[in-house]
mmCIF file of all heavy atoms, coordinates in Angstrom:
data_MODEL
# 
_entry.id   MODEL 
# 
loop_
_atom_site.group_PDB 
_atom_site.id 
_atom_site.type_symbol 
_atom_site.label_atom_id 
_atom_site.label_alt_id 
_atom_site.label_comp_id 
_atom_site.label_asym_id 
_atom_site.label_entity_id 
_atom_site.label_seq_id 
_atom_site.pdbx_PDB_ins_code 
_atom_site.Cartn_x 
_atom_site.Cartn_y 
_atom_site.Cartn_z 
_atom_site.occupancy 
_atom_site.B_iso_or_equiv 
_atom_site.pdbx_formal_charge 
_atom_site.auth_seq_id 
_atom_site.auth_comp_id 
_atom_site.auth_asym_id 
_atom_site.auth_atom_id 
_atom_site.pdbx_PDB_model_num 
ATOM 1   N N   . PRO A 1 1  ? -8.099  6.335   22.535  1.00 0.00 ? 1  PRO A N   1 
ATOM 2   C CA  . PRO A 1 1  ? -8.713  7.244   21.571  1.00 0.00 ? 1  PRO A CA  1 
ATOM 3   C C   . PRO A 1 1  ? -9.785  6.541   20.754  1.00 0.00 ? 1  PRO A C   1 
ATOM 4   O O   . PRO A 1 1  ? -9.611  5.399   20.327  1.00 0.00 ? 1  PRO A O   1 
ATOM 5   C CB  . PRO A 1 1  ? -7.529  7.664   20.681  1.00 0.00 ? 1  PRO A CB  1 
ATOM 6   C CG  . PRO A 1 1  ? -6.322  7.400   21.497  1.00 0.00 ? 1  PRO A CG  1 
ATOM 7   C CD  . PRO A 1 1  ? -6.647  6.270   22.394  1.00 0.00 ? 1  PRO A CD  1 
ATOM 8   N N   . GLU A 1 2  ? -10.897 7.213   20.572  1.00 0.00 ? 2  GLU A N   1 
ATOM 9   C CA  . GLU A 1 2  ? -12.004 6.621   19.836  1.00 0.00 ? 2  GLU A CA  1 
ATOM 10  C C   . GLU A 1 2  ? -11.682 6.530   18.354  1.00 0.00 ? 2  GLU A C   1 
ATOM 11  O O   . GLU A 1 2  ? -11.164 7.468   17.762  1.00 0.00 ? 2  GLU A O   1 
ATOM 12  C CB  . GLU A 1 2  ? -13.262 7.466   20.034  1.00 0.00 ? 2  GLU A CB  1 
ATOM 13  C CG  . GLU A 1 2  ? -14.048 7.054   21.256  1.00 0.00 ? 2  GLU A CG  1 
ATOM 14  C CD  . GLU A 1 2  ? -15.433 7.676   21.249  1.00 0.00 ? 2  GLU A CD  1 
ATOM 15  O OE1 . GLU A 1 2  ? -15.960 7.954   20.154  1.00 0.00 ? 2  GLU A OE1 1 
ATOM 16  O OE2 . GLU A 1 2  ? -15.965 7.881   22.339  1.00 0.00 ? 2  GLU A OE2 1 
ATOM 17  N N   . ILE A 1 3  ? -12.006 5.373   17.775  1.00 0.00 ? 3  ILE A N   1 
ATOM 18  C CA  . ILE A 1 3  ? -11.850 5.188   16.336  1.00 0.00 ? 3  ILE A CA  1 
ATOM 19  C C   . ILE A 1 3  ? -13.210 5.438   15.697  1.00 0.00 ? 3  ILE A C   1 
ATOM 20  O O   . ILE A 1 3  ? -14.218 4.854   16.117  1.00 0.00 ? 3  ILE A O   1 
ATOM 21  C CB  . ILE A 1 3  ? -11.352 3.765   16.031  1.00 0.00 ? 3  ILE A CB  1 
ATOM 22  C CG1 . ILE A 1 3  ? -9.968  3.548   16.654  1.00 0.00 ? 3  ILE A CG1 1 
ATOM 23  C CG2 . ILE A 1 3  ? -11.291 3.531   14.524  1.00 0.00 ? 3  ILE A CG2 1 
ATOM 24  C CD1 . ILE A 1 3  ? -9.425  2.143   16.482  1.00 0.00 ? 3  ILE A CD1 1 
ATOM 25  N N   . PRO A 1 4  ? -13.281 6.330   14.721  1.00 0.00 ? 4  PRO A N   1 
ATOM 26  C CA  . PRO A 1 4  ? -14.577 6.657   14.115  1.00 0.00 ? 4  PRO A CA  1 
ATOM 27  C C   . PRO A 1 4  ? -15.176 5.465   13.387  1.00 0.00 ? 4  PRO A C   1 
ATOM 28  O O   . PRO A 1 4  ? -14.489 4.505   13.031  1.00 0.00 ? 4  PRO A O   1 
ATOM 29  C CB  . PRO A 1 4  ? -14.219 7.790   13.140  1.00 0.00 ? 4  PRO A CB  1 
ATOM 30  C CG  . PRO A 1 4  ? -12.782 7.601   12.832  1.00 0.00 ? 4  PRO A CG  1 
ATOM 31  C CD  . PRO A 1 4  ? -12.170 7.058   14.089  1.00 0.00 ? 4  PRO A CD  1 
ATOM 32  N N   . GLU A 1 5  ? -16.478 5.552   13.165  1.00 0.00 ? 5  GLU A N   1 
ATOM 33  C CA  . GLU A 1 5  ? -17.159 4.509   12.404  1.00 0.00 ? 5  GLU A CA  1 
ATOM 34  C C   . GLU A 1 5  ? -16.758 4.605   10.934  1.00 0.00 ? 5  GLU A C   1 
ATOM 35  O O   . GLU A 1 5  ? -16.218 5.608   10.475  1.00 0.00 ? 5  GLU A O   1 
ATOM 36  C CB  . GLU A 1 5  ? -18.677 4.668   12.540  1.00 0.00 ? 5  GLU A CB  1 
ATOM 37  C CG  . GLU A 1 5  ? -19.179 4.416   13.954  1.00 0.00 ? 5  GLU A CG  1 
ATOM 38  C CD  . GLU A 1 5  ? -20.696 4.535   14.018  1.00 0.00 ? 5  GLU A CD  1 
ATOM 39  O OE1 . GLU A 1 5  ? -21.318 4.739   12.956  1.00 0.00 ? 5  GLU A OE1 1 
ATOM 40  O OE2 . GLU A 1 5  ? -21.240 4.418   15.133  1.00 0.00 ? 5  GLU A OE2 1 
ATOM 41  N N   . GLY A 1 6  ? -17.024 3.570   10.208  1.00 0.00 ? 6  GLY A N   1 
ATOM 42  C CA  . GLY A 1 6  ? -16.667 3.553   8.798   1.00 0.00 ? 6  GLY A CA  1 
ATOM 43  C C   . GLY A 1 6  ? -15.745 2.398   8.492   1.00 0.00 ? 6  GLY A C   1 
ATOM 44  O O   . GLY A 1 6  ? -15.379 1.603   9.376   1.00 0.00 ? 6  GLY A O   1 
ATOM 45  N N   . SER A 1 7  ? -15.375 2.273   7.246   1.00 0.00 ? 7  SER A N   1 
ATOM 46  C CA  . SER A 1 7  ? -14.512 1.170   6.827   1.00 0.00 ? 7  SER A CA  1 
ATOM 47  C C   . SER A 1 7  ? -13.472 1.675   5.828   1.00 0.00 ? 7  SER A C   1 
ATOM 48  O O   . SER A 1 7  ? -13.540 2.807   5.347   1.00 0.00 ? 7  SER A O   1 
ATOM 49  C CB  . SER A 1 7  ? -15.346 0.049   6.195   1.00 0.00 ? 7  SER A CB  1 
ATOM 50  O OG  . SER A 1 7  ? -16.033 0.544   5.053   1.00 0.00 ? 7  SER A OG  1 
ATOM 51  N N   . VAL A 1 8  ? -12.530 0.813   5.551   1.00 0.00 ? 8  VAL A N   1 
ATOM 52  C CA  . VAL A 1 8  ? -11.464 1.153   4.611   1.00 0.00 ? 8  VAL A CA  1 
ATOM 53  C C   . VAL A 1 8  ? -11.240 -0.057  3.704   1.00 0.00 ? 8  VAL A C   1 
ATOM 54  O O   . VAL A 1 8  ? -11.371 -1.208  4.135   1.00 0.00 ? 8  VAL A O   1 
ATOM 55  C CB  . VAL A 1 8  ? -10.172 1.536   5.363   1.00 0.00 ? 8  VAL A CB  1 
ATOM 56  C CG1 . VAL A 1 8  ? -9.649  0.367   6.185   1.00 0.00 ? 8  VAL A CG1 1 
ATOM 57  C CG2 . VAL A 1 8  ? -9.099  2.026   4.425   1.00 0.00 ? 8  VAL A CG2 1 
ATOM 58  N N   . ARG A 1 9  ? -10.961 0.218   2.424   1.00 0.00 ? 9  ARG A N   1 
ATOM 59  C CA  . ARG A 1 9  ? -10.703 -0.873  1.481   1.00 0.00 ? 9  ARG A CA  1 
ATOM 60  C C   . ARG A 1 9  ? -9.216  -1.194  1.468   1.00 0.00 ? 9  ARG A C   1 
ATOM 61  O O   . ARG A 1 9  ? -8.375  -0.305  1.321   1.00 0.00 ? 9  ARG A O   1 
ATOM 62  C CB  . ARG A 1 9  ? -11.175 -0.473  0.078   1.00 0.00 ? 9  ARG A CB  1 
ATOM 63  C CG  . ARG A 1 9  ? -12.702 -0.456  -0.051  1.00 0.00 ? 9  ARG A CG  1 
ATOM 64  C CD  . ARG A 1 9  ? -13.144 -0.032  -1.439  1.00 0.00 ? 9  ARG A CD  1 
ATOM 65  N NE  . ARG A 1 9  ? -12.695 1.313   -1.738  1.00 0.00 ? 9  ARG A NE  1 
ATOM 66  C CZ  . ARG A 1 9  ? -12.201 1.705   -2.908  1.00 0.00 ? 9  ARG A CZ  1 
ATOM 67  N NH1 . ARG A 1 9  ? -12.054 0.837   -3.891  1.00 0.00 ? 9  ARG A NH1 1 
ATOM 68  N NH2 . ARG A 1 9  ? -11.836 2.960   -3.110  1.00 0.00 ? 9  ARG A NH2 1 
ATOM 69  N N   . VAL A 1 10 ? -8.901  -2.479  1.615   1.00 0.00 ? 10 VAL A N   1 
ATOM 70  C CA  . VAL A 1 10 ? -7.506  -2.918  1.745   1.00 0.00 ? 10 VAL A CA  1 
ATOM 71  C C   . VAL A 1 10 ? -7.173  -3.898  0.623   1.00 0.00 ? 10 VAL A C   1 
ATOM 72  O O   . VAL A 1 10 ? -7.933  -4.842  0.361   1.00 0.00 ? 10 VAL A O   1 
ATOM 73  C CB  . VAL A 1 10 ? -7.257  -3.588  3.115   1.00 0.00 ? 10 VAL A CB  1 
ATOM 74  C CG1 . VAL A 1 10 ? -5.833  -4.128  3.196   1.00 0.00 ? 10 VAL A CG1 1 
ATOM 75  C CG2 . VAL A 1 10 ? -7.516  -2.603  4.243   1.00 0.00 ? 10 VAL A CG2 1 
ATOM 76  N N   . LYS A 1 11 ? -6.040  -3.648  -0.014  1.00 0.00 ? 11 LYS A N   1 
ATOM 77  C CA  . LYS A 1 11 ? -5.538  -4.564  -1.039  1.00 0.00 ? 11 LYS A CA  1 
ATOM 78  C C   . LYS A 1 11 ? -4.239  -5.179  -0.526  1.00 0.00 ? 11 LYS A C   1 
ATOM 79  O O   . LYS A 1 11 ? -3.300  -4.472  -0.177  1.00 0.00 ? 11 LYS A O   1 
ATOM 80  C CB  . LYS A 1 11 ? -5.279  -3.802  -2.351  1.00 0.00 ? 11 LYS A CB  1 
ATOM 81  C CG  . LYS A 1 11 ? -4.724  -4.666  -3.468  1.00 0.00 ? 11 LYS A CG  1 
ATOM 82  C CD  . LYS A 1 11 ? -4.460  -3.826  -4.719  1.00 0.00 ? 11 LYS A CD  1 
ATOM 83  C CE  . LYS A 1 11 ? -3.903  -4.675  -5.863  1.00 0.00 ? 11 LYS A CE  1 
ATOM 84  N NZ  . LYS A 1 11 ? -3.617  -3.852  -7.065  1.00 0.00 ? 11 LYS A NZ  1 
ATOM 85  N N   . PHE A 1 12 ? -4.172  -6.506  -0.467  1.00 0.00 ? 12 PHE A N   1 
ATOM 86  C CA  . PHE A 1 12 ? -2.972  -7.205  0.000   1.00 0.00 ? 12 PHE A CA  1 
ATOM 87  C C   . PHE A 1 12 ? -2.083  -7.547  -1.198  1.00 0.00 ? 12 PHE A C   1 
ATOM 88  O O   . PHE A 1 12 ? -2.555  -8.106  -2.197  1.00 0.00 ? 12 PHE A O   1 
ATOM 89  C CB  . PHE A 1 12 ? -3.346  -8.495  0.730   1.00 0.00 ? 12 PHE A CB  1 
ATOM 90  C CG  . PHE A 1 12 ? -4.064  -8.260  2.031   1.00 0.00 ? 12 PHE A CG  1 
ATOM 91  C CD1 . PHE A 1 12 ? -5.404  -8.589  2.174   1.00 0.00 ? 12 PHE A CD1 1 
ATOM 92  C CD2 . PHE A 1 12 ? -3.398  -7.719  3.115   1.00 0.00 ? 12 PHE A CD2 1 
ATOM 93  C CE1 . PHE A 1 12 ? -6.074  -8.391  3.365   1.00 0.00 ? 12 PHE A CE1 1 
ATOM 94  C CE2 . PHE A 1 12 ? -4.049  -7.515  4.318   1.00 0.00 ? 12 PHE A CE2 1 
ATOM 95  C CZ  . PHE A 1 12 ? -5.392  -7.845  4.450   1.00 0.00 ? 12 PHE A CZ  1 
ATOM 96  N N   . VAL A 1 13 ? -0.790  -7.223  -1.082  1.00 0.00 ? 13 VAL A N   1 
ATOM 97  C CA  . VAL A 1 13 ? 0.169   -7.477  -2.160  1.00 0.00 ? 13 VAL A CA  1 
ATOM 98  C C   . VAL A 1 13 ? 1.369   -8.215  -1.586  1.00 0.00 ? 13 VAL A C   1 
ATOM 99  O O   . VAL A 1 13 ? 1.911   -7.830  -0.537  1.00 0.00 ? 13 VAL A O   1 
ATOM 100 C CB  . VAL A 1 13 ? 0.632   -6.144  -2.806  1.00 0.00 ? 13 VAL A CB  1 
ATOM 101 C CG1 . VAL A 1 13 ? 1.747   -6.386  -3.811  1.00 0.00 ? 13 VAL A CG1 1 
ATOM 102 C CG2 . VAL A 1 13 ? -0.543  -5.449  -3.487  1.00 0.00 ? 13 VAL A CG2 1 
ATOM 103 N N   . ASP A 1 14 ? 1.795   -9.284  -2.242  1.00 0.00 ? 14 ASP A N   1 
ATOM 104 C CA  . ASP A 1 14 ? 2.988   -10.027 -1.827  1.00 0.00 ? 14 ASP A CA  1 
ATOM 105 C C   . ASP A 1 14 ? 4.214   -9.145  -2.036  1.00 0.00 ? 14 ASP A C   1 
ATOM 106 O O   . ASP A 1 14 ? 4.480   -8.678  -3.143  1.00 0.00 ? 14 ASP A O   1 
ATOM 107 C CB  . ASP A 1 14 ? 3.116   -11.307 -2.646  1.00 0.00 ? 14 ASP A CB  1 
ATOM 108 C CG  . ASP A 1 14 ? 4.201   -12.225 -2.113  1.00 0.00 ? 14 ASP A CG  1 
ATOM 109 O OD1 . ASP A 1 14 ? 5.167   -11.724 -1.506  1.00 0.00 ? 14 ASP A OD1 1 
ATOM 110 O OD2 . ASP A 1 14 ? 4.101   -13.443 -2.310  1.00 0.00 ? 14 ASP A OD2 1 
ATOM 111 N N   . GLN A 1 15 ? 4.965   -8.917  -0.964  1.00 0.00 ? 15 GLN A N   1 
ATOM 112 C CA  . GLN A 1 15 ? 6.110   -8.009  -1.071  1.00 0.00 ? 15 GLN A CA  1 
ATOM 113 C C   . GLN A 1 15 ? 7.186   -8.530  -2.016  1.00 0.00 ? 15 GLN A C   1 
ATOM 114 O O   . GLN A 1 15 ? 7.835   -7.760  -2.724  1.00 0.00 ? 15 GLN A O   1 
ATOM 115 C CB  . GLN A 1 15 ? 6.725   -7.804  0.317   1.00 0.00 ? 15 GLN A CB  1 
ATOM 116 C CG  . GLN A 1 15 ? 7.811   -6.764  0.362   1.00 0.00 ? 15 GLN A CG  1 
ATOM 117 C CD  . GLN A 1 15 ? 8.520   -6.781  1.697   1.00 0.00 ? 15 GLN A CD  1 
ATOM 118 O OE1 . GLN A 1 15 ? 9.490   -7.505  1.871   1.00 0.00 ? 15 GLN A OE1 1 
ATOM 119 N NE2 . GLN A 1 15 ? 8.023   -6.012  2.626   1.00 0.00 ? 15 GLN A NE2 1 
ATOM 120 N N   . ALA A 1 16 ? 7.383   -9.829  -2.072  1.00 0.00 ? 16 ALA A N   1 
ATOM 121 C CA  . ALA A 1 16 ? 8.445   -10.400 -2.902  1.00 0.00 ? 16 ALA A CA  1 
ATOM 122 C C   . ALA A 1 16 ? 8.144   -10.258 -4.386  1.00 0.00 ? 16 ALA A C   1 
ATOM 123 O O   . ALA A 1 16 ? 9.040   -9.977  -5.189  1.00 0.00 ? 16 ALA A O   1 
ATOM 124 C CB  . ALA A 1 16 ? 8.660   -11.870 -2.546  1.00 0.00 ? 16 ALA A CB  1 
ATOM 125 N N   . THR A 1 17 ? 6.864   -10.440 -4.784  1.00 0.00 ? 17 THR A N   1 
ATOM 126 C CA  . THR A 1 17 ? 6.524   -10.408 -6.215  1.00 0.00 ? 17 THR A CA  1 
ATOM 127 C C   . THR A 1 17 ? 5.905   -9.094  -6.650  1.00 0.00 ? 17 THR A C   1 
ATOM 128 O O   . THR A 1 17 ? 5.881   -8.774  -7.840  1.00 0.00 ? 17 THR A O   1 
ATOM 129 C CB  . THR A 1 17 ? 5.539   -11.549 -6.552  1.00 0.00 ? 17 THR A CB  1 
ATOM 130 O OG1 . THR A 1 17 ? 4.311   -11.334 -5.826  1.00 0.00 ? 17 THR A OG1 1 
ATOM 131 C CG2 . THR A 1 17 ? 6.121   -12.892 -6.159  1.00 0.00 ? 17 THR A CG2 1 
ATOM 132 N N   . GLY A 1 18 ? 5.350   -8.337  -5.691  1.00 0.00 ? 18 GLY A N   1 
ATOM 133 C CA  . GLY A 1 18 ? 4.667   -7.097  -6.051  1.00 0.00 ? 18 GLY A CA  1 
ATOM 134 C C   . GLY A 1 18 ? 3.292   -7.316  -6.627  1.00 0.00 ? 18 GLY A C   1 
ATOM 135 O O   . GLY A 1 18 ? 2.695   -6.399  -7.189  1.00 0.00 ? 18 GLY A O   1 
ATOM 136 N N   . GLU A 1 19 ? 2.748   -8.537  -6.513  1.00 0.00 ? 19 GLU A N   1 
ATOM 137 C CA  . GLU A 1 19 ? 1.443   -8.868  -7.085  1.00 0.00 ? 19 GLU A CA  1 
ATOM 138 C C   . GLU A 1 19 ? 0.493   -9.352  -5.985  1.00 0.00 ? 19 GLU A C   1 
ATOM 139 O O   . GLU A 1 19 ? 0.928   -9.885  -4.963  1.00 0.00 ? 19 GLU A O   1 
ATOM 140 C CB  . GLU A 1 19 ? 1.595   -9.951  -8.156  1.00 0.00 ? 19 GLU A CB  1 
ATOM 141 C CG  . GLU A 1 19 ? 2.470   -9.518  -9.333  1.00 0.00 ? 19 GLU A CG  1 
ATOM 142 C CD  . GLU A 1 19 ? 2.698   -10.636 -10.323 1.00 0.00 ? 19 GLU A CD  1 
ATOM 143 O OE1 . GLU A 1 19 ? 2.219   -11.763 -10.045 1.00 0.00 ? 19 GLU A OE1 1 
ATOM 144 O OE2 . GLU A 1 19 ? 3.349   -10.408 -11.354 1.00 0.00 ? 19 GLU A OE2 1 
ATOM 145 N N   . SER A 1 20 ? -0.803  -9.175  -6.248  1.00 0.00 ? 20 SER A N   1 
ATOM 146 C CA  . SER A 1 20 ? -1.807  -9.603  -5.275  1.00 0.00 ? 20 SER A CA  1 
ATOM 147 C C   . SER A 1 20 ? -2.361  -10.989 -5.588  1.00 0.00 ? 20 SER A C   1 
ATOM 148 O O   . SER A 1 20 ? -3.025  -11.600 -4.751  1.00 0.00 ? 20 SER A O   1 
ATOM 149 C CB  . SER A 1 20 ? -2.953  -8.600  -5.226  1.00 0.00 ? 20 SER A CB  1 
ATOM 150 O OG  . SER A 1 20 ? -3.561  -8.481  -6.504  1.00 0.00 ? 20 SER A OG  1 
ATOM 151 N N   . GLY A 1 21 ? -2.091  -11.497 -6.801  1.00 0.00 ? 21 GLY A N   1 
ATOM 152 C CA  . GLY A 1 21 ? -2.589  -12.820 -7.168  1.00 0.00 ? 21 GLY A CA  1 
ATOM 153 C C   . GLY A 1 21 ? -4.106  -12.847 -7.212  1.00 0.00 ? 21 GLY A C   1 
ATOM 154 O O   . GLY A 1 21 ? -4.753  -11.964 -7.777  1.00 0.00 ? 21 GLY A O   1 
ATOM 155 N N   . ASP A 1 22 ? -4.693  -13.850 -6.584  1.00 0.00 ? 22 ASP A N   1 
ATOM 156 C CA  . ASP A 1 22 ? -6.153  -14.010 -6.589  1.00 0.00 ? 22 ASP A CA  1 
ATOM 157 C C   . ASP A 1 22 ? -6.828  -13.336 -5.396  1.00 0.00 ? 22 ASP A C   1 
ATOM 158 O O   . ASP A 1 22 ? -8.039  -13.478 -5.208  1.00 0.00 ? 22 ASP A O   1 
ATOM 159 C CB  . ASP A 1 22 ? -6.519  -15.503 -6.574  1.00 0.00 ? 22 ASP A CB  1 
ATOM 160 C CG  . ASP A 1 22 ? -5.998  -16.228 -7.812  1.00 0.00 ? 22 ASP A CG  1 
ATOM 161 O OD1 . ASP A 1 22 ? -5.908  -15.568 -8.871  1.00 0.00 ? 22 ASP A OD1 1 
ATOM 162 O OD2 . ASP A 1 22 ? -5.665  -17.424 -7.704  1.00 0.00 ? 22 ASP A OD2 1 
ATOM 163 N N   . LEU A 1 23 ? -6.061  -12.622 -4.587  1.00 0.00 ? 23 LEU A N   1 
ATOM 164 C CA  . LEU A 1 23 ? -6.639  -12.027 -3.381  1.00 0.00 ? 23 LEU A CA  1 
ATOM 165 C C   . LEU A 1 23 ? -7.530  -10.848 -3.757  1.00 0.00 ? 23 LEU A C   1 
ATOM 166 O O   . LEU A 1 23 ? -7.109  -9.944  -4.478  1.00 0.00 ? 23 LEU A O   1 
ATOM 167 C CB  . LEU A 1 23 ? -5.533  -11.561 -2.431  1.00 0.00 ? 23 LEU A CB  1 
ATOM 168 C CG  . LEU A 1 23 ? -4.601  -12.643 -1.878  1.00 0.00 ? 23 LEU A CG  1 
ATOM 169 C CD1 . LEU A 1 23 ? -3.521  -12.024 -1.017  1.00 0.00 ? 23 LEU A CD1 1 
ATOM 170 C CD2 . LEU A 1 23 ? -5.390  -13.667 -1.072  1.00 0.00 ? 23 LEU A CD2 1 
ATOM 171 N N   . PRO A 1 24 ? -8.767  -10.816 -3.249  1.00 0.00 ? 24 PRO A N   1 
ATOM 172 C CA  . PRO A 1 24 ? -9.663  -9.702  -3.569  1.00 0.00 ? 24 PRO A CA  1 
ATOM 173 C C   . PRO A 1 24 ? -9.370  -8.475  -2.705  1.00 0.00 ? 24 PRO A C   1 
ATOM 174 O O   . PRO A 1 24 ? -8.700  -8.572  -1.674  1.00 0.00 ? 24 PRO A O   1 
ATOM 175 C CB  . PRO A 1 24 ? -11.049 -10.274 -3.232  1.00 0.00 ? 24 PRO A CB  1 
ATOM 176 C CG  . PRO A 1 24 ? -10.774 -11.235 -2.105  1.00 0.00 ? 24 PRO A CG  1 
ATOM 177 C CD  . PRO A 1 24 ? -9.422  -11.836 -2.407  1.00 0.00 ? 24 PRO A CD  1 
ATOM 178 N N   . VAL A 1 25 ? -9.866  -7.320  -3.158  1.00 0.00 ? 25 VAL A N   1 
ATOM 179 C CA  . VAL A 1 25 ? -9.833  -6.126  -2.324  1.00 0.00 ? 25 VAL A CA  1 
ATOM 180 C C   . VAL A 1 25 ? -10.960 -6.273  -1.299  1.00 0.00 ? 25 VAL A C   1 
ATOM 181 O O   . VAL A 1 25 ? -12.103 -6.566  -1.652  1.00 0.00 ? 25 VAL A O   1 
ATOM 182 C CB  . VAL A 1 25 ? -10.031 -4.851  -3.172  1.00 0.00 ? 25 VAL A CB  1 
ATOM 183 C CG1 . VAL A 1 25 ? -10.090 -3.624  -2.279  1.00 0.00 ? 25 VAL A CG1 1 
ATOM 184 C CG2 . VAL A 1 25 ? -8.914  -4.721  -4.191  1.00 0.00 ? 25 VAL A CG2 1 
# 
C-alpha cells in the first residue's frame, strides 16, 4: 500500500520516567 507524502512530528518519552529529557521533537 502506498504511503502518502508528508511528515509527522514525533516526541520520544522514556516509558519508565514519563519524561523526554533533552530529546527534541
